[in-house]
Each structure stands twice: as structure tokens, then as C-alpha cells.
Protein backbone atom coordinates (compact mmCIF):
# COMPACT_ATOMS: atom_id res chain seq x y z
CA MET A 1 -0.01 0.01 -0.02
CA ARG A 2 1.07 3.55 -0.75
CA PHE A 3 0.37 6.49 1.59
CA GLY A 4 -0.56 10.18 1.42
CA ILE A 5 -1.39 12.64 4.07
CA PHE A 6 -3.41 15.97 4.24
CA VAL A 7 -1.73 19.18 5.30
CA PRO A 8 -4.19 21.19 7.35
CA GLN A 9 -5.32 24.22 5.41
CA GLY A 10 -8.25 25.38 7.55
CA TRP A 11 -11.04 23.82 5.63
CA ARG A 12 -11.86 21.32 8.26
CA LEU A 13 -11.45 23.89 11.13
CA ASP A 14 -8.02 22.47 11.61
CA LEU A 15 -6.12 25.74 11.93
CA VAL A 16 -8.38 27.36 14.55
CA GLY A 17 -6.54 29.36 17.19
CA ILE A 18 -3.45 29.82 15.07
CA GLU A 19 -2.95 33.48 13.86
CA PRO A 20 -3.51 33.77 10.04
CA ALA A 21 -0.03 35.27 9.77
CA ASP A 22 1.43 32.08 11.24
CA GLN A 23 -0.61 29.58 9.37
CA TRP A 24 1.55 29.28 6.33
CA GLY A 25 4.49 28.57 8.52
CA VAL A 26 2.73 25.75 10.19
CA MET A 27 1.65 24.26 6.80
CA ARG A 28 5.12 24.63 5.36
CA GLU A 29 6.79 22.92 8.30
CA LEU A 30 4.45 20.01 8.16
CA ALA A 31 4.85 19.65 4.44
CA GLN A 32 8.59 19.65 4.89
CA ARG A 33 8.35 17.12 7.71
CA PHE A 34 6.46 14.68 5.42
CA ASP A 35 8.83 15.44 2.57
CA ASN A 36 11.70 14.14 4.76
CA LEU A 37 9.95 10.84 5.53
CA PRO A 38 9.91 8.52 2.55
CA ALA A 39 6.96 6.48 3.82
CA TRP A 40 4.77 9.41 2.75
CA GLU A 41 4.50 9.35 -0.97
CA SER A 42 2.30 12.43 -1.26
CA ILE A 43 0.84 15.49 0.54
CA TRP A 44 -2.73 16.77 -0.19
CA VAL A 45 -5.03 19.70 0.32
CA TYR A 46 -8.72 20.19 -0.30
CA ASP A 47 -10.09 22.50 -3.08
CA HIS A 48 -12.64 24.43 -1.06
CA PHE A 49 -13.28 28.10 -0.08
CA HIS A 50 -15.60 27.82 3.02
CA THR A 51 -15.10 25.68 6.09
CA VAL A 52 -16.96 22.55 7.09
CA PRO A 53 -18.97 21.22 8.86
CA VAL A 54 -20.38 24.71 8.68
CA PRO A 55 -19.21 27.92 6.86
CA THR A 56 -17.36 30.22 9.22
CA ASP A 57 -14.94 33.23 9.07
CA GLU A 58 -12.05 30.82 9.88
CA ALA A 59 -9.34 30.49 7.34
CA THR A 60 -9.58 28.22 4.30
CA HIS A 61 -6.41 28.55 2.22
CA GLU A 62 -6.80 28.17 -1.69
CA ALA A 63 -5.65 24.87 -3.06
CA TRP A 64 -3.58 25.72 -6.07
CA THR A 65 -1.82 28.60 -4.38
CA LEU A 66 -0.70 26.07 -1.80
CA MET A 67 0.33 23.71 -4.55
CA SER A 68 2.79 26.27 -5.91
CA ALA A 69 4.04 27.10 -2.54
CA PHE A 70 4.67 23.52 -1.61
CA ALA A 71 6.23 22.93 -4.93
CA ALA A 72 8.88 25.54 -4.16
CA THR A 73 9.50 24.48 -0.48
CA THR A 74 9.62 20.68 -0.76
CA SER A 75 11.86 18.46 -2.97
CA ARG A 76 10.55 14.86 -2.98
CA VAL A 77 7.00 14.43 -1.91
CA ARG A 78 4.26 14.35 -4.53
CA LEU A 79 1.61 17.15 -4.46
CA GLY A 80 -2.16 16.61 -4.86
CA GLN A 81 -5.56 18.09 -4.26
CA MET A 82 -8.51 15.95 -3.24
CA CYS A 83 -10.11 17.15 -5.14
CA THR A 84 -10.11 20.17 -7.48
CA ALA A 85 -13.63 21.13 -8.51
CA MET A 86 -13.67 21.38 -12.22
CA SER A 87 -16.15 24.25 -12.48
CA TYR A 88 -14.23 26.51 -10.20
CA ARG A 89 -11.68 27.33 -12.95
CA ASN A 90 -11.74 27.17 -16.70
CA PRO A 91 -10.13 23.80 -17.51
CA ALA A 92 -7.67 25.19 -20.13
CA TYR A 93 -6.52 27.76 -17.56
CA LEU A 94 -6.27 25.13 -14.93
CA ALA A 95 -4.21 22.89 -17.24
CA LYS A 96 -1.85 25.82 -17.65
CA VAL A 97 -1.66 26.41 -13.85
CA ALA A 98 -1.00 22.70 -13.18
CA ALA A 99 1.68 22.58 -15.78
CA THR A 100 3.44 25.57 -14.28
CA VAL A 101 3.30 24.00 -10.79
CA ASP A 102 4.67 20.75 -12.18
CA LEU A 103 7.65 22.57 -13.56
CA ILE A 104 8.24 24.42 -10.25
CA SER A 105 8.08 21.04 -8.36
CA GLY A 106 10.34 19.11 -10.75
CA GLY A 107 7.44 16.86 -11.94
CA ARG A 108 5.72 16.02 -8.73
CA VAL A 109 2.01 17.29 -9.30
CA GLU A 110 -1.06 14.90 -9.11
CA MET A 111 -4.37 16.18 -10.62
CA GLY A 112 -7.21 15.16 -8.23
CA ILE A 113 -10.39 16.28 -10.09
CA GLY A 114 -14.13 15.92 -9.49
CA GLY A 115 -17.49 17.55 -10.23
CA GLY A 116 -17.81 19.48 -6.96
CA TRP A 117 -20.53 19.39 -4.34
CA TYR A 118 -20.36 22.09 -1.74
CA GLU A 119 -23.41 24.16 -2.72
CA HIS A 120 -22.94 26.99 -0.19
CA GLU A 121 -19.57 27.98 -1.58
CA TRP A 122 -20.67 27.54 -5.20
CA ARG A 123 -23.47 30.02 -4.81
CA ALA A 124 -21.40 32.39 -2.57
CA TYR A 125 -18.75 32.69 -5.23
CA GLY A 126 -21.23 33.23 -8.04
CA TYR A 127 -20.95 29.85 -9.76
CA GLY A 128 -24.60 29.04 -9.40
CA PHE A 129 -25.17 25.42 -8.67
CA PRO A 130 -25.76 23.41 -11.82
CA SER A 131 -27.37 19.99 -11.80
CA ALA A 132 -25.23 16.98 -11.08
CA GLY A 133 -25.46 16.00 -14.69
CA GLU A 134 -24.06 19.38 -15.89
CA ARG A 135 -21.29 19.27 -13.28
CA LEU A 136 -20.26 15.85 -14.31
CA GLY A 137 -20.46 16.83 -18.01
CA ARG A 138 -18.01 19.57 -17.31
CA LEU A 139 -15.82 17.13 -15.52
CA ASP A 140 -15.73 14.88 -18.62
CA GLU A 141 -14.94 17.64 -21.02
CA GLY A 142 -12.46 19.21 -18.73
CA VAL A 143 -10.38 16.03 -18.36
CA GLN A 144 -10.30 15.75 -22.10
CA ILE A 145 -8.87 19.22 -22.30
CA PHE A 146 -6.22 18.37 -19.71
CA ARG A 147 -5.08 15.36 -21.55
CA GLN A 148 -4.68 17.20 -24.88
CA ALA A 149 -2.99 20.19 -23.27
CA TRP A 150 -0.45 18.15 -21.29
CA GLN A 151 0.36 15.61 -24.02
CA THR A 152 0.53 17.94 -27.03
CA GLY A 153 0.84 21.42 -25.63
CA ARG A 154 -2.39 22.55 -27.25
CA ALA A 155 -6.09 21.83 -26.64
CA THR A 156 -9.20 22.33 -28.80
CA LEU A 157 -12.71 21.19 -27.75
CA ASP A 158 -16.12 22.22 -29.11
CA GLY A 159 -18.06 20.74 -26.28
CA ARG A 160 -21.49 21.27 -24.75
CA HIS A 161 -19.89 23.01 -21.71
CA TYR A 162 -16.48 24.17 -22.84
CA GLN A 163 -15.33 25.73 -26.18
CA ILE A 164 -11.52 25.80 -26.30
CA ASP A 165 -9.88 26.93 -29.59
CA ASP A 166 -6.24 25.98 -29.86
CA ALA A 167 -5.26 26.89 -26.32
CA ILE A 168 -1.50 26.77 -26.07
CA VAL A 169 -0.16 25.17 -22.86
CA HIS A 170 3.63 25.49 -23.17
CA PRO A 171 5.80 24.58 -21.49
CA LYS A 172 4.16 21.28 -20.96
CA PRO A 173 4.38 19.45 -17.62
CA LEU A 174 7.68 17.68 -16.96
CA GLN A 175 6.02 14.35 -16.43
CA GLU A 176 5.89 12.03 -19.47
CA ASN A 177 2.32 11.86 -20.86
CA GLY A 178 1.27 14.63 -18.57
CA ILE A 179 0.11 14.97 -14.95
CA PRO A 180 -1.54 11.81 -13.47
CA ILE A 181 -5.34 12.23 -13.26
CA TRP A 182 -7.24 11.13 -10.18
CA VAL A 183 -10.99 11.17 -10.81
CA ALA A 184 -12.60 11.42 -7.38
CA GLY A 185 -16.16 10.27 -6.51
CA GLY A 186 -18.19 7.19 -6.46
CA GLY A 187 -21.09 8.13 -8.63
CA GLU A 188 -21.87 4.80 -10.30
CA LYS A 189 -23.42 5.86 -13.61
CA LYS A 190 -21.30 8.85 -14.60
CA THR A 191 -18.31 9.50 -12.29
CA LEU A 192 -16.98 6.01 -12.35
CA ARG A 193 -17.51 5.91 -16.13
CA ILE A 194 -15.49 8.99 -16.56
CA ALA A 195 -12.85 7.41 -14.34
CA ALA A 196 -12.88 4.32 -16.54
CA LYS A 197 -12.22 6.40 -19.60
CA TYR A 198 -9.56 8.72 -18.38
CA ALA A 199 -8.29 8.04 -14.82
CA ASP A 200 -4.91 6.85 -13.73
CA TYR A 201 -6.28 6.77 -10.17
CA THR A 202 -9.66 6.73 -8.60
CA ASN A 203 -10.77 7.87 -5.13
CA PHE A 204 -13.97 6.65 -3.43
CA SER A 205 -15.15 5.35 -0.17
CA GLY A 206 -12.93 2.97 1.79
CA GLU A 207 -15.79 1.38 3.73
CA PRO A 208 -15.26 -2.33 2.67
CA ALA A 209 -18.69 -3.19 1.27
CA GLU A 210 -18.98 0.09 -0.65
CA PHE A 211 -15.40 -0.10 -1.87
CA ALA A 212 -16.00 -3.57 -3.21
CA ARG A 213 -19.26 -2.39 -5.01
CA LYS A 214 -17.63 0.65 -6.54
CA SER A 215 -14.69 -1.44 -7.64
CA GLU A 216 -16.89 -3.93 -9.52
CA ILE A 217 -18.89 -1.09 -11.18
CA LEU A 218 -15.60 0.45 -12.28
CA ARG A 219 -14.53 -2.77 -13.62
CA GLU A 220 -17.82 -3.01 -15.73
CA HIS A 221 -17.31 0.49 -17.08
CA CYS A 222 -13.73 -0.27 -18.12
CA ALA A 223 -14.88 -3.39 -19.96
CA GLU A 224 -17.60 -1.30 -21.76
CA VAL A 225 -15.28 1.52 -22.79
CA GLY A 226 -12.30 -0.72 -23.58
CA THR A 227 -9.74 0.37 -20.90
CA ASP A 228 -7.62 -1.68 -18.53
CA PHE A 229 -9.23 -1.95 -15.11
CA GLY A 230 -5.93 -3.24 -13.66
CA ALA A 231 -4.03 -0.13 -14.78
CA ILE A 232 -6.19 2.20 -12.56
CA THR A 233 -4.99 2.57 -8.96
CA ARG A 234 -7.83 2.69 -6.48
CA SER A 235 -7.45 4.98 -3.53
CA SER A 236 -9.53 6.10 -0.50
CA ASN A 237 -9.34 8.85 2.06
CA PHE A 238 -9.52 8.19 5.83
CA ASN A 239 -9.95 10.35 8.81
CA ALA A 240 -7.35 9.24 11.20
CA VAL A 241 -7.09 9.26 14.96
CA VAL A 242 -4.67 6.88 16.55
CA GLY A 243 -3.81 6.15 20.17
CA SER A 244 -1.77 3.49 21.96
CA THR A 245 -4.93 2.63 23.92
CA GLU A 246 -8.66 3.07 23.19
CA ALA A 247 -8.85 5.52 26.11
CA GLU A 248 -6.22 7.62 24.26
CA VAL A 249 -8.24 7.53 21.05
CA ARG A 250 -11.26 8.80 22.95
CA GLU A 251 -9.23 11.68 24.50
CA ARG A 252 -8.02 12.67 21.02
CA LEU A 253 -11.44 12.64 19.54
CA GLU A 254 -12.61 14.79 22.40
CA THR A 255 -10.21 17.56 21.36
CA VAL A 256 -11.93 17.58 17.98
CA VAL A 257 -15.36 17.81 19.63
CA GLU A 258 -14.19 20.74 21.69
CA ARG A 259 -12.87 22.56 18.66
CA TYR A 260 -16.08 22.01 16.76
CA ALA A 261 -18.23 23.01 19.76
CA ALA A 262 -17.08 26.64 19.49
CA PHE A 263 -18.99 26.75 16.10
CA LEU A 264 -21.69 24.15 16.40
CA GLY A 265 -22.50 23.80 20.05
CA PRO A 266 -21.58 20.63 22.07
CA ASP A 267 -24.33 18.32 21.02
CA ASP A 268 -24.02 18.96 17.29
CA ALA A 269 -20.27 18.90 17.56
CA ARG A 270 -20.30 15.45 19.15
CA ALA A 271 -22.71 14.19 16.46
CA ARG A 272 -20.52 15.61 13.64
CA VAL A 273 -17.37 14.00 15.02
CA GLN A 274 -19.15 10.72 15.34
CA GLU A 275 -20.30 10.99 11.77
CA GLN A 276 -16.84 11.82 10.43
CA PHE A 277 -14.73 9.47 12.59
CA GLY A 278 -16.99 6.87 14.13
CA THR A 279 -16.74 4.37 11.41
CA SER A 280 -13.36 5.26 9.86
CA ALA A 281 -11.06 2.35 9.44
CA ALA A 282 -8.16 4.72 10.52
CA VAL A 283 -9.50 5.49 13.97
CA GLY A 284 -8.25 3.24 16.74
CA THR A 285 -5.09 1.65 18.14
CA PRO A 286 -2.42 0.79 15.63
CA GLU A 287 -3.38 -2.92 15.75
CA GLN A 288 -7.05 -2.07 15.06
CA ILE A 289 -6.23 0.22 12.22
CA THR A 290 -3.76 -2.19 10.62
CA GLU A 291 -6.36 -4.98 10.73
CA ARG A 292 -9.09 -2.86 9.18
CA LEU A 293 -6.99 -1.33 6.41
CA SER A 294 -5.48 -4.75 5.56
CA ALA A 295 -8.93 -5.92 4.91
CA VAL A 296 -9.74 -3.16 2.42
CA ALA A 297 -6.33 -3.76 0.81
CA GLY A 298 -7.47 -7.33 0.27
CA LEU A 299 -10.34 -5.88 -1.84
CA GLY A 300 -7.90 -3.90 -4.05
CA LEU A 301 -7.19 -0.66 -2.13
CA GLU A 302 -3.66 0.32 -3.17
CA TYR A 303 -3.39 3.89 -1.95
CA ALA A 304 -4.58 5.42 1.34
CA ILE A 305 -4.64 9.18 2.19
CA PHE A 306 -5.04 10.12 5.77
CA ASN A 307 -6.43 13.30 7.51
CA PHE A 308 -5.32 13.85 10.97
CA PRO A 309 -7.44 16.53 12.64
CA GLU A 310 -4.78 17.49 15.18
CA ALA A 311 -1.83 17.80 12.75
CA ALA A 312 -1.42 21.56 13.16
CA TYR A 313 -1.28 21.17 16.96
CA ASP A 314 0.18 17.87 17.90
CA THR A 315 2.15 15.40 15.76
CA SER A 316 2.41 12.68 18.35
CA GLY A 317 -0.47 10.67 16.87
CA ILE A 318 1.08 10.95 13.39
CA GLU A 319 4.46 9.78 14.82
CA LEU A 320 2.75 6.71 16.38
CA PHE A 321 1.07 5.99 13.04
CA GLU A 322 4.38 6.32 11.24
CA ARG A 323 6.11 3.87 13.72
CA GLU A 324 3.44 1.19 13.98
CA VAL A 325 0.86 1.42 11.22
CA LEU A 326 2.73 2.37 8.02
CA PRO A 327 5.45 -0.27 8.25
CA ALA A 328 2.78 -2.98 8.89
CA LEU A 329 0.81 -1.97 5.82
CA ALA A 330 3.61 -1.03 3.43
């Protein structure tokens, strides 16, 4: 199994209490820490503008700005977003941005891409909120534009959603055949079909039964469109809280409840933490997490990406994870 980790950027209320002027330093130091530990293949951020589980005035740092900054301040680790919303930027422009970041990084960018879902920020930023069908139609056309731009240096598409006329994207990315494409989402009729057509990687639920179901549907789409199911790496994201004992795990979860409670109230905060962390395979003792993730690996999970809610404040849980979980799964 291969491993990635999210760098806190504020979206999940994971920089609360840190002064905005100090937040980049926290993010940079964590990115450089992960860069220096080869077990972590990649670092990730989210492409969002407003916090969750509720919109607040707390910081949410912009994903592609961070990609460029991490490209310039790390040297080994790969750089991804889980996932960029196609409709937030014109795809030809985004292809250009990503190619530039790839050059800055020395060829380390991953393109996580999806249809987008967070209605509140869509409307707040003036994007409207198109139907799911339109959002996924844009995703399909946008990925086509990426592939043309990165492989040939130019892109043309007279599509339903995008009209691109010989957009020049030079210099191209450093990576041969362009930047790897991660199509994120588990929509069975459209998203997984788009993944079957274009993706190097997929990203959907790591809950075992759901993972198995999505995998079989992806396999069916690959057979229908004539692509190699085995060539697509399947990944999942996991909220992670680890402790040497179950009591320590509960204590760590309680700190997340306390942080959320300032914005949601104690009862809603506890319910949200239970929703986000209660069934995650990456919450528990090292032995429990290893057993659960090994089971999903047996179903075909090859790449796991972890979000530690306390990363900006306390890395002791991450250190325990690195010592006892990563070696057992690698």
C-alpha cells in the first residue's frame, strides 16, 4: 500500500486558534516534515473556499496557491488536491496552472479532479449550482482538455460546456504523458464511467462493502469503454485518529469535539465528530487500524490518504502512526 497525508489548510477547522499570519509557517513545516519521511509518498489539500462542517470566518487557504508554494518548498513528496472542482476554474486555464506548478516542483504534481458538491460556496462565489449531470459533463470535457494540453501542448474542444480553440499550454508538464489524473467520487453511472475512460487513479469510499461495490462497477465500465481496469490505482481517504490505547483515542477525539463545539454547540459537535470519525478504518489503536486497512487492501485498495485533525497542533499521533501502522501496511 502507498500513503498520502493531508496538510491542514483550515477547511476542516484544523487551523483554529493559530493566527493567520502564522498559518503558512505551520503548513510549510508539516509539508517539509512529510517530505523528509519517504513512507509518505504524497501530501494533499482540499479544493474548497468555505469551512466545514459549517461555513465560518475561519481560514480556508486556496488549493492551487498552496500547490505552488509546496512545490517551491519541498523536494521529494508528490503534491495533490482531493479534489479540485472542475467548475471553479476554466479547464484550459487550470491545465496551464498545473503545468506551471509541475515545472516548479520538478514533476511532482497529481491532478485530483471531481465535479464539486459544496453548494454553499458555489453560490457564494457566483458559480450558481448546476445539476449533477451538468457538473459531471463539465468534468468529462475538462479532463479531455487536460489530456490534450499536457500531451501535445495545445487543446481544442467544441463541447457542450467548454469551447476551447487551440489553447496553447507551453511549457508542458515535466512528467511524461502529462500529470496523473485522479477522478474522485463514487457516482456509479457517470463519475466511475469518466474514471474508466480517463483516470490513472480513482478515489472513493474505503468502507469495505462500498469499496467492493464501486470497484466492480468501475470494472464493468472499463470493460464497456475498452480500458484496462488493472491499470487504474484505487485509493480512498480516511479520517485518522490513533492512540496507543482506546482511552487515548477517545481523548484525541474529544479535542476535535471541543474545537467544533465553538462553532456548532456541544451536542451537534459530538454528532459531527461521530459521523466523520466513528466508522473510519483509521480510527483506533495501531493494531485495530492495521487490521481494518489490511481488509480493504485485500479488496484492491492500493493507496490510502489520511487526514489527522490534530496535525497543526500535535504530531504525536502521526508519529505513532508512522512507527506502527505504516510499516505494517507497506
